[in-house]
Amino acid sequence: MTSSERSGIGVDAGTGARPATRTQPMFHRVLSAHPMTVRDTLSDVRLRFRAEVSDDTLGRLELVLAEVMNNVAEHAPLTAPDDAEPHLPVIHLCIVRHSGGLACALTDDGASLPDDCLLPRGLPPMLAEDMPEGGFGWFLIQDLTQALCYYREESRNYLAFSIPFTQREAEGTTA
């Protein structure tokens, strides 16, 4: 496709005018994977999107981001070659509102995600005398997101997903 052909994409055939570029709320942050920094970032995300999306969607976003970023903080610190203190990974977070929900991308320079984390999973067994401490995080992440994907390239982890709007939000009738 030539540049002149590309320049015609999206042009109204009747008027020759391009549609106006839509702006959508975005959030971007580079942060240390420290629990208090994660907590502050979650508060800032809520402040950024509270006028744009429902409490339900914000709650699901906050839960998923808390699980993901706290997993990085807890499980991904890397030990330096000289056995010094492990360094906290740096997380890059970007969230964009689109017509169907919130698109999220996170990268970090921590340890690689274990292979089994993204396998489809159910809840861990619930035995009253031996309730598991963990095992719920990746179930929740998978259950609350759409289009979840992960890959690692060189020394960085890349995770992307979408938090869909509720039916009412998608129809534009949030209350």
C-alpha atoms as a PDB file:
ATOM      1  CA  MET A   1       0.000   0.000   0.000  1.00  0.00           C
ATOM      2  CA  THR A   2       1.395   3.374  -0.954  1.00  0.00           C
ATOM      3  CA  SER A   3       1.423   6.385   1.327  1.00  0.00           C
ATOM      4  CA  SER A   4      -1.285   8.030  -0.772  1.00  0.00           C
ATOM      5  CA  GLU A   5      -3.459   4.917  -0.387  1.00  0.00           C
ATOM      6  CA  ARG A   6      -2.800   4.890   3.362  1.00  0.00           C
ATOM      7  CA  SER A   7      -3.677   8.574   3.616  1.00  0.00           C
ATOM      8  CA  GLY A   8      -7.164   7.748   2.328  1.00  0.00           C
ATOM      9  CA  ILE A   9      -7.898   5.238   5.081  1.00  0.00           C
ATOM     10  CA  GLY A  10     -10.560   6.538   7.441  1.00  0.00           C
ATOM     11  CA  VAL A  11     -11.485   9.437   5.164  1.00  0.00           C
ATOM     12  CA  ASP A  12     -15.200  10.058   4.679  1.00  0.00           C
ATOM     13  CA  ALA A  13     -15.801   9.367   0.973  1.00  0.00           C
ATOM     14  CA  GLY A  14     -18.551  11.996   0.777  1.00  0.00           C
ATOM     15  CA  THR A  15     -16.727  14.925   2.358  1.00  0.00           C
ATOM     16  CA  GLY A  16     -13.076  13.873   2.139  1.00  0.00           C
ATOM     17  CA  ALA A  17     -12.718  14.714   5.842  1.00  0.00           C
ATOM     18  CA  ARG A  18     -11.027  12.537   8.372  1.00  0.00           C
ATOM     19  CA  PRO A  19     -12.986  11.688  11.532  1.00  0.00           C
ATOM     20  CA  ALA A  20     -11.878  13.549  14.627  1.00  0.00           C
ATOM     21  CA  THR A  21      -9.295  11.745  16.707  1.00  0.00           C
ATOM     22  CA  ARG A  22     -10.882  10.535  19.921  1.00  0.00           C
ATOM     23  CA  THR A  23      -9.017  11.033  23.117  1.00  0.00           C
ATOM     24  CA  GLN A  24      -9.377   8.488  25.867  1.00  0.00           C
ATOM     25  CA  PRO A  25      -8.263   8.633  29.487  1.00  0.00           C
ATOM     26  CA  MET A  26      -4.872   7.029  30.051  1.00  0.00           C
ATOM     27  CA  PHE A  27      -2.655   6.250  32.999  1.00  0.00           C
ATOM     28  CA  HIS A  28       1.074   5.604  32.876  1.00  0.00           C
ATOM     29  CA  ARG A  29       3.457   5.033  35.761  1.00  0.00           C
ATOM     30  CA  VAL A  30       6.956   3.668  36.275  1.00  0.00           C
ATOM     31  CA  LEU A  31       7.268   2.388  39.828  1.00  0.00           C
ATOM     32  CA  SER A  32       9.364   0.312  42.157  1.00  0.00           C
ATOM     33  CA  ALA A  33       7.779  -3.033  43.050  1.00  0.00           C
ATOM     34  CA  HIS A  34       7.468  -2.102  46.719  1.00  0.00           C
ATOM     35  CA  PRO A  35       4.152  -2.848  48.481  1.00  0.00           C
ATOM     36  CA  MET A  36       3.569   0.774  49.548  1.00  0.00           C
ATOM     37  CA  THR A  37       4.375   2.087  46.073  1.00  0.00           C
ATOM     38  CA  VAL A  38       1.965  -0.463  44.599  1.00  0.00           C
ATOM     39  CA  ARG A  39      -0.704   0.677  47.065  1.00  0.00           C
ATOM     40  CA  ASP A  40      -0.188   4.352  46.171  1.00  0.00           C
ATOM     41  CA  THR A  41      -0.329   3.518  42.457  1.00  0.00           C
ATOM     42  CA  LEU A  42      -3.624   1.672  42.892  1.00  0.00           C
ATOM     43  CA  SER A  43      -5.079   4.755  44.602  1.00  0.00           C
ATOM     44  CA  ASP A  44      -3.867   6.951  41.739  1.00  0.00           C
ATOM     45  CA  VAL A  45      -5.402   4.608  39.145  1.00  0.00           C
ATOM     46  CA  ARG A  46      -8.747   4.836  40.948  1.00  0.00           C
ATOM     47  CA  LEU A  47      -8.526   8.643  41.026  1.00  0.00           C
ATOM     48  CA  ARG A  48      -7.676   8.761  37.314  1.00  0.00           C
ATOM     49  CA  PHE A  49     -10.588   6.614  36.130  1.00  0.00           C
ATOM     50  CA  ARG A  50     -13.294   7.179  38.761  1.00  0.00           C
ATOM     51  CA  ALA A  51     -15.205   9.677  36.618  1.00  0.00           C
ATOM     52  CA  GLU A  52     -14.881   7.482  33.523  1.00  0.00           C
ATOM     53  CA  VAL A  53     -15.842   3.960  34.602  1.00  0.00           C
ATOM     54  CA  SER A  54     -18.123   2.261  37.117  1.00  0.00           C
ATOM     55  CA  ASP A  55     -17.098   1.213  40.611  1.00  0.00           C
ATOM     56  CA  ASP A  56     -17.550  -2.407  39.483  1.00  0.00           C
ATOM     57  CA  THR A  57     -15.037  -2.052  36.651  1.00  0.00           C
ATOM     58  CA  LEU A  58     -12.639  -0.094  38.870  1.00  0.00           C
ATOM     59  CA  GLY A  59     -12.901  -2.765  41.566  1.00  0.00           C
ATOM     60  CA  ARG A  60     -12.066  -5.537  39.093  1.00  0.00           C
ATOM     61  CA  LEU A  61      -9.169  -3.498  37.669  1.00  0.00           C
ATOM     62  CA  GLU A  62      -7.841  -2.737  41.138  1.00  0.00           C
ATOM     63  CA  LEU A  63      -8.031  -6.383  42.215  1.00  0.00           C
ATOM     64  CA  VAL A  64      -6.200  -7.635  39.126  1.00  0.00           C
ATOM     65  CA  LEU A  65      -3.527  -4.932  39.305  1.00  0.00           C
ATOM     66  CA  ALA A  66      -3.022  -5.550  43.036  1.00  0.00           C
ATOM     67  CA  GLU A  67      -2.547  -9.281  42.409  1.00  0.00           C
ATOM     68  CA  VAL A  68      -0.155  -8.761  39.501  1.00  0.00           C
ATOM     69  CA  MET A  69       1.964  -5.980  41.008  1.00  0.00           C
ATOM     70  CA  ASN A  70       2.104  -7.557  44.474  1.00  0.00           C
ATOM     71  CA  ASN A  71       3.177 -10.843  42.835  1.00  0.00           C
ATOM     72  CA  VAL A  72       6.035  -8.935  41.211  1.00  0.00           C
ATOM     73  CA  ALA A  73       6.928  -7.334  44.545  1.00  0.00           C
ATOM     74  CA  GLU A  74       6.823 -10.653  46.420  1.00  0.00           C
ATOM     75  CA  HIS A  75       8.145 -13.183  43.909  1.00  0.00           C
ATOM     76  CA  ALA A  76      10.248 -11.341  41.335  1.00  0.00           C
ATOM     77  CA  PRO A  77      13.098  -9.574  43.205  1.00  0.00           C
ATOM     78  CA  LEU A  78      16.442 -10.517  41.728  1.00  0.00           C
ATOM     79  CA  THR A  79      19.579 -11.269  43.709  1.00  0.00           C
ATOM     80  CA  ALA A  80      22.719  -9.505  42.540  1.00  0.00           C
ATOM     81  CA  PRO A  81      25.723 -11.665  41.584  1.00  0.00           C
ATOM     82  CA  ASP A  82      27.634 -10.563  44.693  1.00  0.00           C
ATOM     83  CA  ASP A  83      24.805 -11.869  46.947  1.00  0.00           C
ATOM     84  CA  ALA A  84      23.881  -8.339  47.954  1.00  0.00           C
ATOM     85  CA  GLU A  85      20.323  -7.446  48.826  1.00  0.00           C
ATOM     86  CA  PRO A  86      17.884  -8.361  46.086  1.00  0.00           C
ATOM     87  CA  HIS A  87      16.854  -5.398  43.986  1.00  0.00           C
ATOM     88  CA  LEU A  88      13.198  -4.578  43.614  1.00  0.00           C
ATOM     89  CA  PRO A  89      11.966  -4.863  40.052  1.00  0.00           C
ATOM     90  CA  VAL A  90      10.798  -1.764  38.226  1.00  0.00           C
ATOM     91  CA  ILE A  91       7.239  -1.983  36.882  1.00  0.00           C
ATOM     92  CA  HIS A  92       5.961  -0.008  33.900  1.00  0.00           C
ATOM     93  CA  LEU A  93       2.159   0.259  33.938  1.00  0.00           C
ATOM     94  CA  CYS A  94      -0.053   1.653  31.188  1.00  0.00           C
ATOM     95  CA  ILE A  95      -3.871   1.673  31.160  1.00  0.00           C
ATOM     96  CA  VAL A  96      -6.050   3.032  28.364  1.00  0.00           C
ATOM     97  CA  ARG A  97      -9.831   3.314  28.327  1.00  0.00           C
ATOM     98  CA  HIS A  98     -11.388   2.075  25.084  1.00  0.00           C
ATOM     99  CA  SER A  99     -14.929   1.394  23.928  1.00  0.00           C
ATOM    100  CA  GLY A 100     -15.083  -2.087  25.474  1.00  0.00           C
ATOM    101  CA  GLY A 101     -13.188  -1.600  28.709  1.00  0.00           C
ATOM    102  CA  LEU A 102      -9.721  -0.873  30.034  1.00  0.00           C
ATOM    103  CA  ALA A 103      -6.643  -2.163  28.208  1.00  0.00           C
ATOM    104  CA  CYS A 104      -3.693  -2.755  30.516  1.00  0.00           C
ATOM    105  CA  ALA A 105      -0.035  -3.480  29.882  1.00  0.00           C
ATOM    106  CA  LEU A 106       2.622  -4.103  32.501  1.00  0.00           C
ATOM    107  CA  THR A 107       6.295  -4.828  32.113  1.00  0.00           C
ATOM    108  CA  ASP A 108       8.885  -5.525  34.782  1.00  0.00           C
ATOM    109  CA  ASP A 109      12.535  -6.506  35.020  1.00  0.00           C
ATOM    110  CA  GLY A 110      12.012  -9.117  37.730  1.00  0.00           C
ATOM    111  CA  ALA A 111      12.319 -12.878  37.645  1.00  0.00           C
ATOM    112  CA  SER A 112      10.431 -14.764  34.962  1.00  0.00           C
ATOM    113  CA  LEU A 113       6.845 -15.800  35.574  1.00  0.00           C
ATOM    114  CA  PRO A 114       6.660 -19.565  36.281  1.00  0.00           C
ATOM    115  CA  ASP A 115       5.346 -21.528  33.290  1.00  0.00           C
ATOM    116  CA  ASP A 116       2.304 -22.891  35.123  1.00  0.00           C
ATOM    117  CA  CYS A 117       0.889 -19.486  36.137  1.00  0.00           C
ATOM    118  CA  LEU A 118      -0.966 -18.931  32.881  1.00  0.00           C
ATOM    119  CA  LEU A 119      -2.405 -22.429  32.607  1.00  0.00           C
ATOM    120  CA  PRO A 120      -6.184 -22.448  32.984  1.00  0.00           C
ATOM    121  CA  ARG A 121      -7.001 -23.089  36.605  1.00  0.00           C
ATOM    122  CA  GLY A 122      -9.820 -23.437  39.059  1.00  0.00           C
ATOM    123  CA  LEU A 123      -9.933 -22.595  42.700  1.00  0.00           C
ATOM    124  CA  PRO A 124      -7.622 -24.517  45.039  1.00  0.00           C
ATOM    125  CA  PRO A 125      -9.289 -27.270  47.104  1.00  0.00           C
ATOM    126  CA  MET A 126     -11.284 -25.900  50.038  1.00  0.00           C
ATOM    127  CA  LEU A 127     -10.783 -28.083  53.078  1.00  0.00           C
ATOM    128  CA  ALA A 128     -12.018 -26.443  56.270  1.00  0.00           C
ATOM    129  CA  GLU A 129      -9.196 -27.888  58.363  1.00  0.00           C
ATOM    130  CA  ASP A 130      -6.482 -26.909  55.844  1.00  0.00           C
ATOM    131  CA  MET A 131      -7.432 -23.711  54.008  1.00  0.00           C
ATOM    132  CA  PRO A 132      -4.734 -22.703  51.516  1.00  0.00           C
ATOM    133  CA  GLU A 133      -2.955 -19.401  52.082  1.00  0.00           C
ATOM    134  CA  GLY A 134      -2.405 -18.771  48.398  1.00  0.00           C
ATOM    135  CA  GLY A 135      -3.385 -20.077  45.022  1.00  0.00           C
ATOM    136  CA  PHE A 136      -6.244 -17.675  44.406  1.00  0.00           C
ATOM    137  CA  GLY A 137      -4.357 -14.891  42.630  1.00  0.00           C
ATOM    138  CA  TRP A 138      -3.936 -16.329  39.146  1.00  0.00           C
ATOM    139  CA  PHE A 139      -7.445 -17.787  39.265  1.00  0.00           C
ATOM    140  CA  LEU A 140      -8.808 -14.279  39.962  1.00  0.00           C
ATOM    141  CA  ILE A 141      -6.601 -12.699  37.301  1.00  0.00           C
ATOM    142  CA  GLN A 142      -7.776 -15.201  34.676  1.00  0.00           C
ATOM    143  CA  ASP A 143     -11.406 -14.918  35.750  1.00  0.00           C
ATOM    144  CA  LEU A 144     -11.582 -11.104  35.739  1.00  0.00           C
ATOM    145  CA  THR A 145      -9.654 -10.378  32.538  1.00  0.00           C
ATOM    146  CA  GLN A 146      -9.990 -10.926  28.825  1.00  0.00           C
ATOM    147  CA  ALA A 147      -7.221 -11.418  26.251  1.00  0.00           C
ATOM    148  CA  LEU A 148      -4.624 -12.223  28.926  1.00  0.00           C
ATOM    149  CA  CYS A 149      -1.186 -12.724  27.398  1.00  0.00           C
ATOM    150  CA  TYR A 150       2.347 -12.951  28.726  1.00  0.00           C
ATOM    151  CA  TYR A 151       5.790 -13.244  27.259  1.00  0.00           C
ATOM    152  CA  ARG A 152       9.364 -12.682  28.362  1.00  0.00           C
ATOM    153  CA  GLU A 153      11.948 -11.017  26.193  1.00  0.00           C
ATOM    154  CA  GLU A 154      15.522 -10.742  27.343  1.00  0.00           C
ATOM    155  CA  SER A 155      15.266  -9.592  30.973  1.00  0.00           C
ATOM    156  CA  ARG A 156      11.713  -8.195  30.908  1.00  0.00           C
ATOM    157  CA  ASN A 157       8.305  -9.688  31.552  1.00  0.00           C
ATOM    158  CA  TYR A 158       5.378  -8.407  29.467  1.00  0.00           C
ATOM    159  CA  LEU A 159       1.774  -8.908  30.576  1.00  0.00           C
ATOM    160  CA  ALA A 160      -1.282  -7.501  28.822  1.00  0.00           C
ATOM    161  CA  PHE A 161      -5.015  -7.904  29.395  1.00  0.00           C
ATOM    162  CA  SER A 162      -8.320  -6.136  29.178  1.00  0.00           C
ATOM    163  CA  ILE A 163     -10.874  -5.480  31.902  1.00  0.00           C
ATOM    164  CA  PRO A 164     -14.249  -5.476  30.130  1.00  0.00           C
ATOM    165  CA  PHE A 165     -16.938  -2.986  30.971  1.00  0.00           C
ATOM    166  CA  THR A 166     -20.155  -4.168  32.557  1.00  0.00           C
ATOM    167  CA  GLN A 167     -23.064  -4.598  30.149  1.00  0.00           C
ATOM    168  CA  ARG A 168     -24.568  -1.323  31.364  1.00  0.00           C
ATOM    169  CA  GLU A 169     -21.308   0.562  30.750  1.00  0.00           C
ATOM    170  CA  ALA A 170     -20.933  -0.970  27.309  1.00  0.00           C
ATOM    171  CA  GLU A 171     -24.449   0.245  26.475  1.00  0.00           C
ATOM    172  CA  GLY A 172     -23.660   3.680  27.906  1.00  0.00           C
ATOM    173  CA  THR A 173     -26.193   3.448  30.738  1.00  0.00           C
ATOM    174  CA  THR A 174     -24.010   3.439  33.842  1.00  0.00           C
ATOM    175  CA  ALA A 175     -25.747   4.575  36.974  1.00  0.00           C
END
